[in-house]
């Protein structure tokens, strides 16, 4: 369960601690379920247009999010990016 007002994520009554960016990425994927996004698009939407750095930060954040939420089905699209499956 995701509560955008309190910015909390819970499963089976237990709160799952997420960083601000992990939460933002989760909400982003939930808002655009089944739509594929490149790393650059994710960077722009989650970090903002002013982000300067490596696009691999997306991979690192996604790895941490998958570890905390193993049931979350975010697919890797080889050579392109990611999408949240239904």
Protein backbone atom coordinates (compact mmCIF):
# COMPACT_ATOMS: atom_id res chain seq x y z
CA UNK A 1 0.00 0.00 0.00
CA UNK A 2 1.31 3.42 -0.97
CA UNK A 3 0.07 6.56 0.77
CA UNK A 4 1.17 9.59 -1.22
CA UNK A 5 -0.06 12.04 1.44
CA UNK A 6 2.14 10.64 4.21
CA UNK A 7 4.76 9.33 1.74
CA UNK A 8 4.64 5.91 3.41
CA UNK A 9 4.73 2.45 1.92
CA UNK A 10 3.48 -0.53 3.88
CA UNK A 11 3.08 -4.23 3.33
CA UNK A 12 1.18 -6.56 5.64
CA UNK A 13 0.89 -3.72 8.16
CA UNK A 14 4.63 -3.05 8.30
CA UNK A 15 6.12 0.24 7.13
CA UNK A 16 8.83 -0.10 4.48
CA UNK A 17 11.41 2.64 4.80
CA UNK A 18 12.14 4.33 1.47
CA UNK A 19 14.33 7.30 0.68
CA UNK A 20 12.70 10.32 -0.92
CA UNK A 21 13.95 9.38 -4.40
CA UNK A 22 12.95 5.71 -3.97
CA UNK A 23 9.44 6.85 -3.08
CA UNK A 24 9.34 9.30 -6.00
CA UNK A 25 10.45 6.58 -8.42
CA UNK A 26 7.86 4.13 -7.07
CA UNK A 27 5.03 6.66 -7.48
CA UNK A 28 6.30 7.56 -10.95
CA UNK A 29 6.18 3.93 -12.11
CA UNK A 30 2.77 3.41 -10.51
CA UNK A 31 1.39 6.49 -12.27
CA UNK A 32 2.63 5.21 -15.63
CA UNK A 33 2.16 1.47 -15.23
CA UNK A 34 2.98 -0.60 -18.33
CA UNK A 35 4.63 2.35 -20.07
CA UNK A 36 8.31 1.98 -20.96
CA UNK A 37 10.78 4.72 -20.06
CA UNK A 38 14.42 5.25 -20.90
CA UNK A 39 16.92 6.10 -18.16
CA UNK A 40 17.01 9.67 -19.44
CA UNK A 41 13.23 10.01 -19.19
CA UNK A 42 13.26 8.62 -15.65
CA UNK A 43 16.05 11.01 -14.68
CA UNK A 44 14.07 13.95 -16.02
CA UNK A 45 10.83 12.94 -14.30
CA UNK A 46 12.25 11.82 -10.92
CA UNK A 47 15.38 13.98 -10.51
CA UNK A 48 14.31 16.93 -12.63
CA UNK A 49 15.74 18.64 -15.68
CA UNK A 50 18.57 20.24 -13.72
CA UNK A 51 20.21 16.94 -12.71
CA UNK A 52 23.83 16.65 -13.77
CA UNK A 53 25.42 13.25 -13.40
CA UNK A 54 25.49 9.74 -14.69
CA UNK A 55 22.25 8.07 -15.83
CA UNK A 56 23.35 4.90 -14.01
CA UNK A 57 22.01 6.46 -10.82
CA UNK A 58 18.64 5.17 -12.09
CA UNK A 59 19.96 1.58 -12.09
CA UNK A 60 21.32 1.93 -8.56
CA UNK A 61 18.11 3.40 -7.18
CA UNK A 62 16.04 0.75 -8.93
CA UNK A 63 18.25 -2.02 -7.51
CA UNK A 64 17.63 -0.68 -3.98
CA UNK A 65 13.90 -0.34 -4.63
CA UNK A 66 13.68 -3.93 -5.91
CA UNK A 67 15.53 -5.15 -2.82
CA UNK A 68 13.10 -3.38 -0.48
CA UNK A 69 10.01 -4.34 -2.52
CA UNK A 70 10.77 -7.75 -4.09
CA UNK A 71 7.16 -8.21 -5.26
CA UNK A 72 7.36 -5.04 -7.35
CA UNK A 73 7.54 -6.16 -10.95
CA UNK A 74 9.69 -3.54 -12.67
CA UNK A 75 10.97 -5.05 -15.89
CA UNK A 76 14.28 -4.22 -17.50
CA UNK A 77 13.99 -3.48 -21.21
CA UNK A 78 17.42 -4.35 -22.50
CA UNK A 79 19.09 -1.46 -24.28
CA UNK A 80 16.31 0.97 -23.41
CA UNK A 81 15.11 1.28 -19.81
CA UNK A 82 12.36 0.04 -17.53
CA UNK A 83 8.61 -0.41 -17.06
CA UNK A 84 6.31 -1.52 -14.26
CA UNK A 85 4.25 -4.54 -15.30
CA UNK A 86 0.63 -4.99 -14.39
